[in-house]
PDB file of all heavy atoms in Angstrom:
ATOM      1  N   PRO A   1      14.084  -2.091 -18.007  1.00  0.00           N
ATOM      2  CA  PRO A   1      12.713  -2.121 -18.620  1.00  0.00           C
ATOM      3  C   PRO A   1      11.938  -3.340 -18.119  1.00  0.00           C
ATOM      4  O   PRO A   1      10.697  -3.182 -17.928  1.00  0.00           O
ATOM      5  CB  PRO A   1      13.024  -2.271 -20.091  1.00  0.00           C
ATOM      6  CG  PRO A   1      14.362  -1.664 -20.286  1.00  0.00           C
ATOM      7  CD  PRO A   1      15.175  -1.970 -19.055  1.00  0.00           C
ATOM      8  N   ASP A   2      12.533  -4.492 -17.939  1.00  0.00           N
ATOM      9  CA  ASP A   2      11.776  -5.641 -17.460  1.00  0.00           C
ATOM     10  C   ASP A   2      11.225  -5.433 -16.054  1.00  0.00           C
ATOM     11  O   ASP A   2      10.062  -5.673 -15.759  1.00  0.00           O
ATOM     12  CB  ASP A   2      12.623  -6.921 -17.476  1.00  0.00           C
ATOM     13  CG  ASP A   2      12.994  -7.336 -18.897  1.00  0.00           C
ATOM     14  OD1 ASP A   2      12.192  -7.069 -19.848  1.00  0.00           O
ATOM     15  OD2 ASP A   2      14.120  -7.895 -19.039  1.00  0.00           O
ATOM     16  N   GLY A   3      12.063  -4.853 -15.222  1.00  0.00           N
ATOM     17  CA  GLY A   3      11.608  -4.549 -13.894  1.00  0.00           C
ATOM     18  C   GLY A   3      10.538  -3.443 -13.867  1.00  0.00           C
ATOM     19  O   GLY A   3       9.581  -3.461 -13.092  1.00  0.00           O
ATOM     20  N   ASP A   4      10.719  -2.447 -14.788  1.00  0.00           N
ATOM     21  CA  ASP A   4       9.714  -1.381 -14.903  1.00  0.00           C
ATOM     22  C   ASP A   4       8.360  -1.982 -15.259  1.00  0.00           C
ATOM     23  O   ASP A   4       7.310  -1.566 -14.729  1.00  0.00           O
ATOM     24  CB  ASP A   4      10.126  -0.431 -16.039  1.00  0.00           C
ATOM     25  CG  ASP A   4      11.349   0.407 -15.634  1.00  0.00           C
ATOM     26  OD1 ASP A   4      11.742   0.428 -14.442  1.00  0.00           O
ATOM     27  OD2 ASP A   4      11.914   0.979 -16.559  1.00  0.00           O
ATOM     28  N   ALA A   5       8.362  -2.983 -16.187  1.00  0.00           N
ATOM     29  CA  ALA A   5       7.083  -3.620 -16.586  1.00  0.00           C
ATOM     30  C   ALA A   5       6.458  -4.359 -15.389  1.00  0.00           C
ATOM     31  O   ALA A   5       5.220  -4.363 -15.256  1.00  0.00           O
ATOM     32  CB  ALA A   5       7.317  -4.565 -17.765  1.00  0.00           C
ATOM     33  N   LEU A   6       7.294  -4.968 -14.576  1.00  0.00           N
ATOM     34  CA  LEU A   6       6.733  -5.648 -13.403  1.00  0.00           C
ATOM     35  C   LEU A   6       6.112  -4.665 -12.417  1.00  0.00           C
ATOM     36  O   LEU A   6       4.997  -4.889 -11.938  1.00  0.00           O
ATOM     37  CB  LEU A   6       7.928  -6.443 -12.724  1.00  0.00           C
ATOM     38  CG  LEU A   6       7.558  -7.421 -11.575  1.00  0.00           C
ATOM     39  CD1 LEU A   6       8.633  -8.494 -11.459  1.00  0.00           C
ATOM     40  CD2 LEU A   6       7.377  -6.730 -10.273  1.00  0.00           C
ATOM     41  N   VAL A   7       6.847  -3.613 -12.138  1.00  0.00           N
ATOM     42  CA  VAL A   7       6.283  -2.601 -11.207  1.00  0.00           C
ATOM     43  C   VAL A   7       4.989  -2.018 -11.742  1.00  0.00           C
ATOM     44  O   VAL A   7       4.032  -1.751 -11.011  1.00  0.00           O
ATOM     45  CB  VAL A   7       7.333  -1.501 -10.936  1.00  0.00           C
ATOM     46  CG1 VAL A   7       6.700  -0.367 -10.085  1.00  0.00           C
ATOM     47  CG2 VAL A   7       8.547  -2.045 -10.230  1.00  0.00           C
ATOM     48  N   GLU A   8       4.917  -1.748 -13.059  1.00  0.00           N
ATOM     49  CA  GLU A   8       3.712  -1.186 -13.637  1.00  0.00           C
ATOM     50  C   GLU A   8       2.557  -2.139 -13.485  1.00  0.00           C
ATOM     51  O   GLU A   8       1.414  -1.702 -13.187  1.00  0.00           O
ATOM     52  CB  GLU A   8       3.942  -0.873 -15.105  1.00  0.00           C
ATOM     53  CG  GLU A   8       2.745  -0.323 -15.866  1.00  0.00           C
ATOM     54  CD  GLU A   8       2.228   0.963 -15.283  1.00  0.00           C
ATOM     55  OE1 GLU A   8       2.949   1.691 -14.488  1.00  0.00           O
ATOM     56  OE2 GLU A   8       1.046   1.351 -15.543  1.00  0.00           O
ATOM     57  N   ALA A   9       2.779  -3.460 -13.688  1.00  0.00           N
ATOM     58  CA  ALA A   9       1.679  -4.399 -13.505  1.00  0.00           C
ATOM     59  C   ALA A   9       1.186  -4.447 -12.108  1.00  0.00           C
ATOM     60  O   ALA A   9      -0.011  -4.510 -11.822  1.00  0.00           O
ATOM     61  CB  ALA A   9       2.166  -5.783 -13.944  1.00  0.00           C
ATOM     62  N   ALA A  10       2.126  -4.380 -11.133  1.00  0.00           N
ATOM     63  CA  ALA A  10       1.743  -4.344  -9.744  1.00  0.00           C
ATOM     64  C   ALA A  10       0.971  -3.037  -9.415  1.00  0.00           C
ATOM     65  O   ALA A  10      -0.002  -3.022  -8.685  1.00  0.00           O
ATOM     66  CB  ALA A  10       2.942  -4.485  -8.820  1.00  0.00           C
ATOM     67  N   ARG A  11       1.522  -1.950  -9.964  1.00  0.00           N
ATOM     68  CA  ARG A  11       0.825  -0.655  -9.739  1.00  0.00           C
ATOM     69  C   ARG A  11      -0.591  -0.665 -10.246  1.00  0.00           C
ATOM     70  O   ARG A  11      -1.500  -0.178  -9.547  1.00  0.00           O
ATOM     71  CB  ARG A  11       1.625   0.454 -10.412  1.00  0.00           C
ATOM     72  CG  ARG A  11       1.204   1.838 -10.036  1.00  0.00           C
ATOM     73  CD  ARG A  11       1.672   2.878 -11.050  1.00  0.00           C
ATOM     74  NE  ARG A  11       1.018   2.691 -12.338  1.00  0.00           N
ATOM     75  CZ  ARG A  11      -0.238   3.075 -12.561  1.00  0.00           C
ATOM     76  NH1 ARG A  11      -1.007   3.622 -11.586  1.00  0.00           N
ATOM     77  NH2 ARG A  11      -0.780   2.861 -13.783  1.00  0.00           N
ATOM     78  N   GLU A  12      -0.797  -1.155 -11.445  1.00  0.00           N
ATOM     79  CA  GLU A  12      -2.165  -1.235 -11.994  1.00  0.00           C
ATOM     80  C   GLU A  12      -3.052  -2.093 -11.177  1.00  0.00           C
ATOM     81  O   GLU A  12      -4.280  -1.760 -10.993  1.00  0.00           O
ATOM     82  CB  GLU A  12      -2.053  -1.758 -13.408  1.00  0.00           C
ATOM     83  CG  GLU A  12      -1.430  -0.753 -14.447  1.00  0.00           C
ATOM     84  CD  GLU A  12      -1.336  -1.372 -15.828  1.00  0.00           C
ATOM     85  OE1 GLU A  12      -1.756  -2.567 -16.032  1.00  0.00           O
ATOM     86  OE2 GLU A  12      -0.896  -0.616 -16.782  1.00  0.00           O
ATOM     87  N   ALA A  13      -2.573  -3.187 -10.683  1.00  0.00           N
ATOM     88  CA  ALA A  13      -3.403  -4.054  -9.839  1.00  0.00           C
ATOM     89  C   ALA A  13      -3.837  -3.394  -8.547  1.00  0.00           C
ATOM     90  O   ALA A  13      -4.977  -3.507  -8.142  1.00  0.00           O
ATOM     91  CB  ALA A  13      -2.622  -5.378  -9.548  1.00  0.00           C
ATOM     92  N   ILE A  14      -2.909  -2.676  -7.932  1.00  0.00           N
ATOM     93  CA  ILE A  14      -3.239  -1.973  -6.651  1.00  0.00           C
ATOM     94  C   ILE A  14      -4.164  -0.823  -6.882  1.00  0.00           C
ATOM     95  O   ILE A  14      -5.101  -0.548  -6.120  1.00  0.00           O
ATOM     96  CB  ILE A  14      -1.934  -1.549  -5.918  1.00  0.00           C
ATOM     97  CG1 ILE A  14      -1.158  -2.767  -5.510  1.00  0.00           C
ATOM     98  CG2 ILE A  14      -2.253  -0.696  -4.717  1.00  0.00           C
ATOM     99  CD1 ILE A  14      -1.872  -3.800  -4.695  1.00  0.00           C
ATOM    100  N   ALA A  15      -3.919  -0.071  -7.976  1.00  0.00           N
ATOM    101  CA  ALA A  15      -4.800   1.084  -8.281  1.00  0.00           C
ATOM    102  C   ALA A  15      -6.225   0.678  -8.502  1.00  0.00           C
ATOM    103  O   ALA A  15      -7.139   1.493  -8.341  1.00  0.00           O
ATOM    104  CB  ALA A  15      -4.241   1.839  -9.481  1.00  0.00           C
ATOM    105  N   ALA A  16      -6.427  -0.580  -8.923  1.00  0.00           N
ATOM    106  CA  ALA A  16      -7.806  -1.058  -9.171  1.00  0.00           C
ATOM    107  C   ALA A  16      -8.506  -1.626  -7.972  1.00  0.00           C
ATOM    108  O   ALA A  16      -9.678  -1.976  -8.026  1.00  0.00           O
ATOM    109  CB  ALA A  16      -7.748  -2.147 -10.324  1.00  0.00           C
ATOM    110  N   THR A  17      -7.815  -1.648  -6.849  1.00  0.00           N
ATOM    111  CA  THR A  17      -8.450  -2.160  -5.618  1.00  0.00           C
ATOM    112  C   THR A  17      -9.225  -1.090  -4.849  1.00  0.00           C
ATOM    113  O   THR A  17      -9.155   0.117  -5.189  1.00  0.00           O
ATOM    114  CB  THR A  17      -7.426  -2.724  -4.666  1.00  0.00           C
ATOM    115  OG1 THR A  17      -6.549  -1.740  -4.236  1.00  0.00           O
ATOM    116  CG2 THR A  17      -6.610  -3.853  -5.319  1.00  0.00           C
ATOM    117  N   GLU A  18      -9.917  -1.514  -3.884  1.00  0.00           N
ATOM    118  CA  GLU A  18     -10.655  -0.603  -2.950  1.00  0.00           C
ATOM    119  C   GLU A  18     -10.188  -0.864  -1.561  1.00  0.00           C
ATOM    120  O   GLU A  18      -9.612  -1.898  -1.242  1.00  0.00           O
ATOM    121  CB  GLU A  18     -12.136  -0.817  -3.083  1.00  0.00           C
ATOM    122  CG  GLU A  18     -12.705  -0.475  -4.465  1.00  0.00           C
ATOM    123  CD  GLU A  18     -14.192  -0.660  -4.498  1.00  0.00           C
ATOM    124  OE1 GLU A  18     -14.722  -1.268  -3.551  1.00  0.00           O
ATOM    125  OE2 GLU A  18     -14.807  -0.285  -5.514  1.00  0.00           O
ATOM    126  N   PRO A  19     -10.459   0.064  -0.603  1.00  0.00           N
ATOM    127  CA  PRO A  19     -10.117  -0.231   0.798  1.00  0.00           C
ATOM    128  C   PRO A  19     -10.696  -1.566   1.261  1.00  0.00           C
ATOM    129  O   PRO A  19     -11.855  -1.908   0.902  1.00  0.00           O
ATOM    130  CB  PRO A  19     -10.740   0.944   1.543  1.00  0.00           C
ATOM    131  CG  PRO A  19     -10.646   2.062   0.562  1.00  0.00           C
ATOM    132  CD  PRO A  19     -10.948   1.444  -0.785  1.00  0.00           C
ATOM    133  N   MET A  20      -9.942  -2.274   2.035  1.00  0.00           N
ATOM    134  CA  MET A  20     -10.299  -3.627   2.375  1.00  0.00           C
ATOM    135  C   MET A  20     -10.665  -3.719   3.869  1.00  0.00           C
ATOM    136  O   MET A  20     -10.165  -2.957   4.716  1.00  0.00           O
ATOM    137  CB  MET A  20      -9.106  -4.606   2.105  1.00  0.00           C
ATOM    138  CG  MET A  20      -8.777  -4.640   0.610  1.00  0.00           C
ATOM    139  SD  MET A  20      -7.377  -5.725   0.315  1.00  0.00           S
ATOM    140  CE  MET A  20      -7.411  -5.863  -1.503  1.00  0.00           C
ATOM    141  N   ILE A  21     -11.511  -4.639   4.196  1.00  0.00           N
ATOM    142  CA  ILE A  21     -11.944  -4.869   5.589  1.00  0.00           C
ATOM    143  C   ILE A  21     -10.802  -5.406   6.412  1.00  0.00           C
ATOM    144  O   ILE A  21     -10.153  -6.413   6.031  1.00  0.00           O
ATOM    145  CB  ILE A  21     -13.182  -5.818   5.654  1.00  0.00           C
ATOM    146  CG1 ILE A  21     -14.356  -5.226   4.851  1.00  0.00           C
ATOM    147  CG2 ILE A  21     -13.489  -6.110   7.078  1.00  0.00           C
ATOM    148  CD1 ILE A  21     -15.452  -6.207   4.662  1.00  0.00           C
ATOM    149  N   MET A  22     -10.557  -4.782   7.535  1.00  0.00           N
ATOM    150  CA  MET A  22      -9.498  -5.261   8.434  1.00  0.00           C
ATOM    151  C   MET A  22     -10.220  -6.001   9.618  1.00  0.00           C
ATOM    152  O   MET A  22     -11.385  -5.797   9.881  1.00  0.00           O
ATOM    153  CB  MET A  22      -8.681  -4.048   9.006  1.00  0.00           C
ATOM    154  CG  MET A  22      -8.126  -3.193   7.924  1.00  0.00           C
ATOM    155  SD  MET A  22      -6.950  -4.009   6.809  1.00  0.00           S
ATOM    156  CE  MET A  22      -5.471  -4.018   7.834  1.00  0.00           C
ATOM    157  N   LEU A  23      -9.444  -6.821  10.329  1.00  0.00           N
ATOM    158  CA  LEU A  23     -10.062  -7.708  11.285  1.00  0.00           C
ATOM    159  C   LEU A  23     -10.646  -7.003  12.498  1.00  0.00           C
ATOM    160  O   LEU A  23     -11.661  -7.462  13.026  1.00  0.00           O
ATOM    161  CB  LEU A  23      -8.975  -8.737  11.747  1.00  0.00           C
ATOM    162  CG  LEU A  23      -8.600  -9.695  10.707  1.00  0.00           C
ATOM    163  CD1 LEU A  23      -7.228 -10.340  11.050  1.00  0.00           C
ATOM    164  CD2 LEU A  23      -9.665 -10.798  10.542  1.00  0.00           C
ATOM    165  N   ASN A  24     -10.006  -5.918  12.928  1.00  0.00           N
ATOM    166  CA  ASN A  24     -10.526  -5.241  14.075  1.00  0.00           C
ATOM    167  C   ASN A  24     -10.047  -3.829  14.095  1.00  0.00           C
ATOM    168  O   ASN A  24      -9.243  -3.391  13.257  1.00  0.00           O
ATOM    169  CB  ASN A  24     -10.151  -5.944  15.385  1.00  0.00           C
ATOM    170  CG  ASN A  24      -8.656  -6.035  15.598  1.00  0.00           C
ATOM    171  OD1 ASN A  24      -7.931  -5.066  15.530  1.00  0.00           O
ATOM    172  ND2 ASN A  24      -8.193  -7.263  15.916  1.00  0.00           N
ATOM    173  N   GLU A  25     -10.516  -3.038  15.008  1.00  0.00           N
ATOM    174  CA  GLU A  25     -10.197  -1.644  15.102  1.00  0.00           C
ATOM    175  C   GLU A  25      -8.709  -1.381  15.392  1.00  0.00           C
ATOM    176  O   GLU A  25      -8.127  -0.466  14.825  1.00  0.00           O
ATOM    177  CB  GLU A  25     -11.075  -1.004  16.185  1.00  0.00           C
ATOM    178  CG  GLU A  25     -11.159   0.527  16.134  1.00  0.00           C
ATOM    179  CD  GLU A  25     -12.174   1.069  17.110  1.00  0.00           C
ATOM    180  OE1 GLU A  25     -12.422   0.447  18.185  1.00  0.00           O
ATOM    181  OE2 GLU A  25     -12.770   2.112  16.795  1.00  0.00           O
ATOM    182  N   GLY A  26      -8.140  -2.180  16.247  1.00  0.00           N
ATOM    183  CA  GLY A  26      -6.750  -2.025  16.601  1.00  0.00           C
ATOM    184  C   GLY A  26      -5.869  -2.230  15.393  1.00  0.00           C
ATOM    185  O   GLY A  26      -4.854  -1.500  15.154  1.00  0.00           O
ATOM    186  N   ILE A  27      -6.122  -3.292  14.617  1.00  0.00           N
ATOM    187  CA  ILE A  27      -5.340  -3.556  13.416  1.00  0.00           C
ATOM    188  C   ILE A  27      -5.520  -2.434  12.402  1.00  0.00           C
ATOM    189  O   ILE A  27      -4.542  -1.989  11.750  1.00  0.00           O
ATOM    190  CB  ILE A  27      -5.686  -4.922  12.832  1.00  0.00           C
ATOM    191  CG1 ILE A  27      -5.157  -6.043  13.776  1.00  0.00           C
ATOM    192  CG2 ILE A  27      -5.155  -5.070  11.438  1.00  0.00           C
ATOM    193  CD1 ILE A  27      -5.605  -7.462  13.328  1.00  0.00           C
ATOM    194  N   ALA A  28      -6.751  -1.931  12.202  1.00  0.00           N
ATOM    195  CA  ALA A  28      -6.995  -0.889  11.254  1.00  0.00           C
ATOM    196  C   ALA A  28      -6.250   0.362  11.659  1.00  0.00           C
ATOM    197  O   ALA A  28      -5.610   1.020  10.820  1.00  0.00           O
ATOM    198  CB  ALA A  28      -8.495  -0.592  11.199  1.00  0.00           C
ATOM    199  N   ASN A  29      -6.279   0.720  12.944  1.00  0.00           N
ATOM    200  CA  ASN A  29      -5.518   1.878  13.405  1.00  0.00           C
ATOM    201  C   ASN A  29      -4.036   1.731  13.195  1.00  0.00           C
ATOM    202  O   ASN A  29      -3.351   2.664  12.751  1.00  0.00           O
ATOM    203  CB  ASN A  29      -5.802   2.129  14.915  1.00  0.00           C
ATOM    204  CG  ASN A  29      -7.177   2.716  15.160  1.00  0.00           C
ATOM    205  OD1 ASN A  29      -7.848   3.148  14.241  1.00  0.00           O
ATOM    206  ND2 ASN A  29      -7.594   2.695  16.390  1.00  0.00           N
ATOM    207  N   SER A  30      -3.517   0.601  13.558  1.00  0.00           N
ATOM    208  CA  SER A  30      -2.120   0.312  13.422  1.00  0.00           C
ATOM    209  C   SER A  30      -1.655   0.386  11.920  1.00  0.00           C
ATOM    210  O   SER A  30      -0.603   0.917  11.621  1.00  0.00           O
ATOM    211  CB  SER A  30      -1.769  -1.046  14.012  1.00  0.00           C
ATOM    212  OG  SER A  30      -0.399  -1.365  13.882  1.00  0.00           O
ATOM    213  N   TYR A  31      -2.512  -0.126  11.086  1.00  0.00           N
ATOM    214  CA  TYR A  31      -2.232  -0.085   9.644  1.00  0.00           C
ATOM    215  C   TYR A  31      -2.210   1.331   9.150  1.00  0.00           C
ATOM    216  O   TYR A  31      -1.323   1.746   8.341  1.00  0.00           O
ATOM    217  CB  TYR A  31      -3.211  -0.927   8.896  1.00  0.00           C
ATOM    218  CG  TYR A  31      -2.971  -0.949   7.379  1.00  0.00           C
ATOM    219  CD1 TYR A  31      -1.914  -1.658   6.846  1.00  0.00           C
ATOM    220  CD2 TYR A  31      -3.810  -0.252   6.493  1.00  0.00           C
ATOM    221  CE1 TYR A  31      -1.631  -1.602   5.483  1.00  0.00           C
ATOM    222  CE2 TYR A  31      -3.586  -0.234   5.159  1.00  0.00           C
ATOM    223  CZ  TYR A  31      -2.490  -0.914   4.604  1.00  0.00           C
ATOM    224  OH  TYR A  31      -2.215  -0.927   3.282  1.00  0.00           O
ATOM    225  N   GLN A  32      -3.161   2.106   9.547  1.00  0.00           N
ATOM    226  CA  GLN A  32      -3.268   3.514   9.131  1.00  0.00           C
ATOM    227  C   GLN A  32      -1.972   4.264   9.565  1.00  0.00           C
ATOM    228  O   GLN A  32      -1.377   5.029   8.784  1.00  0.00           O
ATOM    229  CB  GLN A  32      -4.502   4.208   9.715  1.00  0.00           C
ATOM    230  CG  GLN A  32      -4.638   5.647   9.213  1.00  0.00           C
ATOM    231  CD  GLN A  32      -5.652   6.430  10.045  1.00  0.00           C
ATOM    232  OE1 GLN A  32      -5.683   6.334  11.253  1.00  0.00           O
ATOM    233  NE2 GLN A  32      -6.449   7.212   9.349  1.00  0.00           N
ATOM    234  N   ARG A  33      -1.555   4.041  10.809  1.00  0.00           N
ATOM    235  CA  ARG A  33      -0.365   4.709  11.310  1.00  0.00           C
ATOM    236  C   ARG A  33       0.873   4.269  10.510  1.00  0.00           C
ATOM    237  O   ARG A  33       1.737   5.028  10.114  1.00  0.00           O
ATOM    238  CB  ARG A  33      -0.168   4.472  12.795  1.00  0.00           C
ATOM    239  CG  ARG A  33      -1.240   5.114  13.695  1.00  0.00           C
ATOM    240  CD  ARG A  33      -0.787   5.114  15.139  1.00  0.00           C
ATOM    241  NE  ARG A  33      -0.551   3.760  15.634  1.00  0.00           N
ATOM    242  CZ  ARG A  33      -1.459   2.989  16.189  1.00  0.00           C
ATOM    243  NH1 ARG A  33      -2.722   3.414  16.236  1.00  0.00           N
ATOM    244  NH2 ARG A  33      -1.170   1.795  16.583  1.00  0.00           N
ATOM    245  N   GLY A  34       0.938   2.900  10.299  1.00  0.00           N
ATOM    246  CA  GLY A  34       2.101   2.354   9.637  1.00  0.00           C
ATOM    247  C   GLY A  34       2.256   2.841   8.219  1.00  0.00           C
ATOM    248  O   GLY A  34       3.356   3.192   7.801  1.00  0.00           O
ATOM    249  N   THR A  35       1.138   2.781   7.460  1.00  0.00           N
ATOM    250  CA  THR A  35       1.269   3.186   6.041  1.00  0.00           C
ATOM    251  C   THR A  35       1.474   4.679   5.884  1.00  0.00           C
ATOM    252  O   THR A  35       2.181   5.135   4.943  1.00  0.00           O
ATOM    253  CB  THR A  35      -0.016   2.742   5.306  1.00  0.00           C
ATOM    254  OG1 THR A  35      -1.142   3.178   5.979  1.00  0.00           O
ATOM    255  CG2 THR A  35      -0.109   1.206   5.160  1.00  0.00           C
ATOM    256  N   ALA A  36       0.858   5.448   6.797  1.00  0.00           N
ATOM    257  CA  ALA A  36       1.123   6.913   6.726  1.00  0.00           C
ATOM    258  C   ALA A  36       2.545   7.235   6.968  1.00  0.00           C
ATOM    259  O   ALA A  36       3.201   8.062   6.315  1.00  0.00           O
ATOM    260  CB  ALA A  36       0.215   7.658   7.739  1.00  0.00           C
ATOM    261  N   ALA A  37       3.174   6.503   7.965  1.00  0.00           N
ATOM    262  CA  ALA A  37       4.567   6.706   8.250  1.00  0.00           C
ATOM    263  C   ALA A  37       5.444   6.258   7.077  1.00  0.00           C
ATOM    264  O   ALA A  37       6.404   6.986   6.706  1.00  0.00           O
ATOM    265  CB  ALA A  37       4.952   5.982   9.515  1.00  0.00           C
ATOM    266  N   LEU A  38       5.168   5.122   6.497  1.00  0.00           N
ATOM    267  CA  LEU A  38       5.883   4.654   5.359  1.00  0.00           C
ATOM    268  C   LEU A  38       5.838   5.687   4.190  1.00  0.00           C
ATOM    269  O   LEU A  38       6.820   5.957   3.496  1.00  0.00           O
ATOM    270  CB  LEU A  38       5.401   3.286   4.870  1.00  0.00           C
ATOM    271  CG  LEU A  38       5.740   2.103   5.756  1.00  0.00           C
ATOM    272  CD1 LEU A  38       4.967   0.869   5.304  1.00  0.00           C
ATOM    273  CD2 LEU A  38       7.267   1.833   5.682  1.00  0.00           C
ATOM    274  N   SER A  39       4.661   6.180   3.956  1.00  0.00           N
ATOM    275  CA  SER A  39       4.464   7.137   2.837  1.00  0.00           C
ATOM    276  C   SER A  39       5.227   8.410   3.037  1.00  0.00           C
ATOM    277  O   SER A  39       5.494   9.127   2.043  1.00  0.00           O
ATOM    278  CB  SER A  39       2.941   7.420   2.713  1.00  0.00           C
ATOM    279  OG  SER A  39       2.219   6.263   2.393  1.00  0.00           O
ATOM    280  N   ASN A  40       5.568   8.706   4.246  1.00  0.00           N
ATOM    281  CA  ASN A  40       6.333   9.907   4.514  1.00  0.00           C
ATOM    282  C   ASN A  40       7.802   9.636   4.862  1.00  0.00           C
ATOM    283  O   ASN A  40       8.480  10.518   5.431  1.00  0.00           O
ATOM    284  CB  ASN A  40       5.665  10.722   5.648  1.00  0.00           C
ATOM    285  CG  ASN A  40       4.344  11.351   5.232  1.00  0.00           C
ATOM    286  OD1 ASN A  40       4.318  12.395   4.644  1.00  0.00           O
ATOM    287  ND2 ASN A  40       3.220  10.682   5.480  1.00  0.00           N
ATOM    288  N   THR A  41       8.229   8.429   4.588  1.00  0.00           N
ATOM    289  CA  THR A  41       9.625   8.077   4.882  1.00  0.00           C
ATOM    290  C   THR A  41      10.554   8.445   3.758  1.00  0.00           C
ATOM    291  O   THR A  41      10.275   8.065   2.624  1.00  0.00           O
ATOM    292  CB  THR A  41       9.711   6.563   5.188  1.00  0.00           C
ATOM    293  OG1 THR A  41       9.022   6.233   6.363  1.00  0.00           O
ATOM    294  CG2 THR A  41      11.185   6.130   5.384  1.00  0.00           C
ATOM    295  N   PRO A  42      11.604   9.188   4.000  1.00  0.00           N
ATOM    296  CA  PRO A  42      12.571   9.445   2.930  1.00  0.00           C
ATOM    297  C   PRO A  42      13.137   8.204   2.371  1.00  0.00           C
ATOM    298  O   PRO A  42      13.479   7.262   3.054  1.00  0.00           O
ATOM    299  CB  PRO A  42      13.653  10.262   3.677  1.00  0.00           C
ATOM    300  CG  PRO A  42      12.977  10.883   4.849  1.00  0.00           C
ATOM    301  CD  PRO A  42      11.950   9.873   5.279  1.00  0.00           C
ATOM    302  N   GLY A  43      13.222   8.143   1.021  1.00  0.00           N
ATOM    303  CA  GLY A  43      13.701   6.985   0.375  1.00  0.00           C
ATOM    304  C   GLY A  43      12.630   6.052  -0.145  1.00  0.00           C
ATOM    305  O   GLY A  43      12.894   5.165  -0.914  1.00  0.00           O
ATOM    306  N   LEU A  44      11.364   6.286   0.298  1.00  0.00           N
ATOM    307  CA  LEU A  44      10.239   5.501  -0.190  1.00  0.00           C
ATOM    308  C   LEU A  44       9.338   6.411  -1.033  1.00  0.00           C
ATOM    309  O   LEU A  44       9.035   7.570  -0.645  1.00  0.00           O
ATOM    310  CB  LEU A  44       9.449   4.937   0.954  1.00  0.00           C
ATOM    311  CG  LEU A  44      10.097   3.850   1.779  1.00  0.00           C
ATOM    312  CD1 LEU A  44       9.212   3.371   2.922  1.00  0.00           C
ATOM    313  CD2 LEU A  44      10.461   2.634   0.896  1.00  0.00           C
TER     314      LEU A  44
END
């Protein structure tokens, strides 16, 4: 339960954010590829 409460607080904080400005096009592209891959990784 304590860990659950921690995860929920982090989840609420992230859900309240908006897309953020990245430094350049290359970094933005790399981040898009990286997060899409993570989101589709078994175990995550």
